[in-house]
C-alpha atoms as a PDB file:
ATOM      1  CA  MET A   1     -11.214   7.117  -7.267  1.00  0.00           C
ATOM      2  CA  PRO A   2     -11.226   5.207  -3.954  1.00  0.00           C
ATOM      3  CA  ALA A   3     -13.704   6.334  -1.317  1.00  0.00           C
ATOM      4  CA  LEU A   4     -14.207   5.720   2.393  1.00  0.00           C
ATOM      5  CA  ASN A   5     -17.454   5.652   4.352  1.00  0.00           C
ATOM      6  CA  LEU A   6     -17.187   6.693   7.987  1.00  0.00           C
ATOM      7  CA  THR A   7     -19.765   6.419  10.744  1.00  0.00           C
ATOM      8  CA  PHE A   8     -20.160   9.162  13.355  1.00  0.00           C
ATOM      9  CA  THR A   9     -22.550   9.750  16.219  1.00  0.00           C
ATOM     10  CA  ASP A  10     -24.958  12.652  15.863  1.00  0.00           C
ATOM     11  CA  ASP A  11     -22.840  14.714  18.260  1.00  0.00           C
ATOM     12  CA  GLU A  12     -19.626  13.938  16.375  1.00  0.00           C
ATOM     13  CA  MET A  13     -21.230  14.869  13.069  1.00  0.00           C
ATOM     14  CA  GLU A  14     -22.509  18.127  14.515  1.00  0.00           C
ATOM     15  CA  ALA A  15     -18.999  18.967  15.767  1.00  0.00           C
ATOM     16  CA  LEU A  16     -17.493  18.138  12.370  1.00  0.00           C
ATOM     17  CA  ARG A  17     -20.036  20.275  10.548  1.00  0.00           C
ATOM     18  CA  ALA A  18     -19.363  23.182  12.901  1.00  0.00           C
ATOM     19  CA  ALA A  19     -15.594  22.866  12.431  1.00  0.00           C
ATOM     20  CA  ALA A  20     -15.916  22.688   8.653  1.00  0.00           C
ATOM     21  CA  SER A  21     -18.259  25.661   8.639  1.00  0.00           C
ATOM     22  CA  ALA A  22     -15.869  27.684  10.810  1.00  0.00           C
ATOM     23  CA  ARG A  23     -13.139  27.055   8.241  1.00  0.00           C
ATOM     24  CA  ARG A  24     -15.560  27.758   5.398  1.00  0.00           C
ATOM     25  CA  VAL A  25     -14.901  24.438   3.684  1.00  0.00           C
ATOM     26  CA  SER A  26     -17.168  21.552   2.828  1.00  0.00           C
ATOM     27  CA  LEU A  27     -17.536  18.702   5.286  1.00  0.00           C
ATOM     28  CA  LYS A  28     -15.951  16.382   2.716  1.00  0.00           C
ATOM     29  CA  ALA A  29     -12.915  18.656   2.269  1.00  0.00           C
ATOM     30  CA  PHE A  30     -12.589  19.115   6.031  1.00  0.00           C
ATOM     31  CA  ALA A  31     -12.656  15.362   6.705  1.00  0.00           C
ATOM     32  CA  HIS A  32     -10.261  14.655   3.822  1.00  0.00           C
ATOM     33  CA  ASP A  33      -7.738  17.205   5.056  1.00  0.00           C
ATOM     34  CA  ALA A  34      -8.045  16.040   8.671  1.00  0.00           C
ATOM     35  CA  VAL A  35      -7.365  12.416   7.762  1.00  0.00           C
ATOM     36  CA  LEU A  36      -4.345  13.317   5.636  1.00  0.00           C
ATOM     37  CA  ALA A  37      -2.962  15.638   8.323  1.00  0.00           C
ATOM     38  CA  SER A  38      -3.304  12.923  10.956  1.00  0.00           C
ATOM     39  CA  SER A  39      -1.614  10.377   8.709  1.00  0.00           C
ATOM     40  CA  SER A  40       1.246  12.746   7.973  1.00  0.00           C
ATOM     41  CA  GLU A  41       1.681  13.592  11.660  1.00  0.00           C
ATOM     42  CA  HIS A  42       1.786   9.887  12.526  1.00  0.00           C
ATOM     43  CA  SER A  43       4.468   9.240   9.900  1.00  0.00           C
ATOM     44  CA  LEU A  44       6.559  12.112  11.254  1.00  0.00           C
ATOM     45  CA  ARG A  45       6.269  10.820  14.829  1.00  0.00           C
ATOM     46  CA  VAL A  46       7.304   7.311  13.766  1.00  0.00           C
ATOM     47  CA  GLY A  47      10.292   8.707  11.870  1.00  0.00           C
ATOM     48  CA  ASP A  48      11.317  10.848  14.844  1.00  0.00           C
ATOM     49  CA  ALA A  49      11.084   7.870  17.183  1.00  0.00           C
ATOM     50  CA  ALA A  50      13.190   5.734  14.839  1.00  0.00           C
ATOM     51  CA  ARG A  51      15.858   8.445  14.675  1.00  0.00           C
ATOM     52  CA  ARG A  52      15.957   8.754  18.472  1.00  0.00           C
ATOM     53  CA  VAL A  53      16.359   4.995  18.859  1.00  0.00           C
ATOM     54  CA  ALA A  54      19.132   4.942  16.245  1.00  0.00           C
ATOM     55  CA  GLU A  55      20.956   7.813  17.960  1.00  0.00           C
ATOM     56  CA  ARG A  56      20.693   6.258  21.412  1.00  0.00           C
ATOM     57  CA  SER A  57      21.829   2.833  20.239  1.00  0.00           C
ATOM     58  CA  ALA A  58      24.572   3.988  17.830  1.00  0.00           C
ATOM     59  CA  GLU A  59      27.437   3.216  20.216  1.00  0.00           C
ATOM     60  CA  LEU A  60      26.064  -0.216  21.071  1.00  0.00           C
ATOM     61  CA  ASN A  61      25.524  -0.976  17.396  1.00  0.00           C
ATOM     62  CA  LYS A  62      29.166  -0.088  16.672  1.00  0.00           C
ATOM     63  CA  ARG A  63      30.392  -2.425  19.410  1.00  0.00           C
ATOM     64  CA  LEU A  64      28.165  -5.250  18.188  1.00  0.00           C
ATOM     65  CA  ALA A  65      29.199  -4.892  14.538  1.00  0.00           C
END
């Protein structure tokens, strides 16, 4: 299974450990879920932006076709 090594400052690592502990999950599970959530959110934002551009340019696209 692919793996990823990440480097954090001591303060960042302390904050991550505290957040994982507050959610009662392992640091590994917390980091995994956070990365996937961020990736998913990014994909949704890109899709939303593409839809807005398509909606705003629909009339122009019709005239240019």
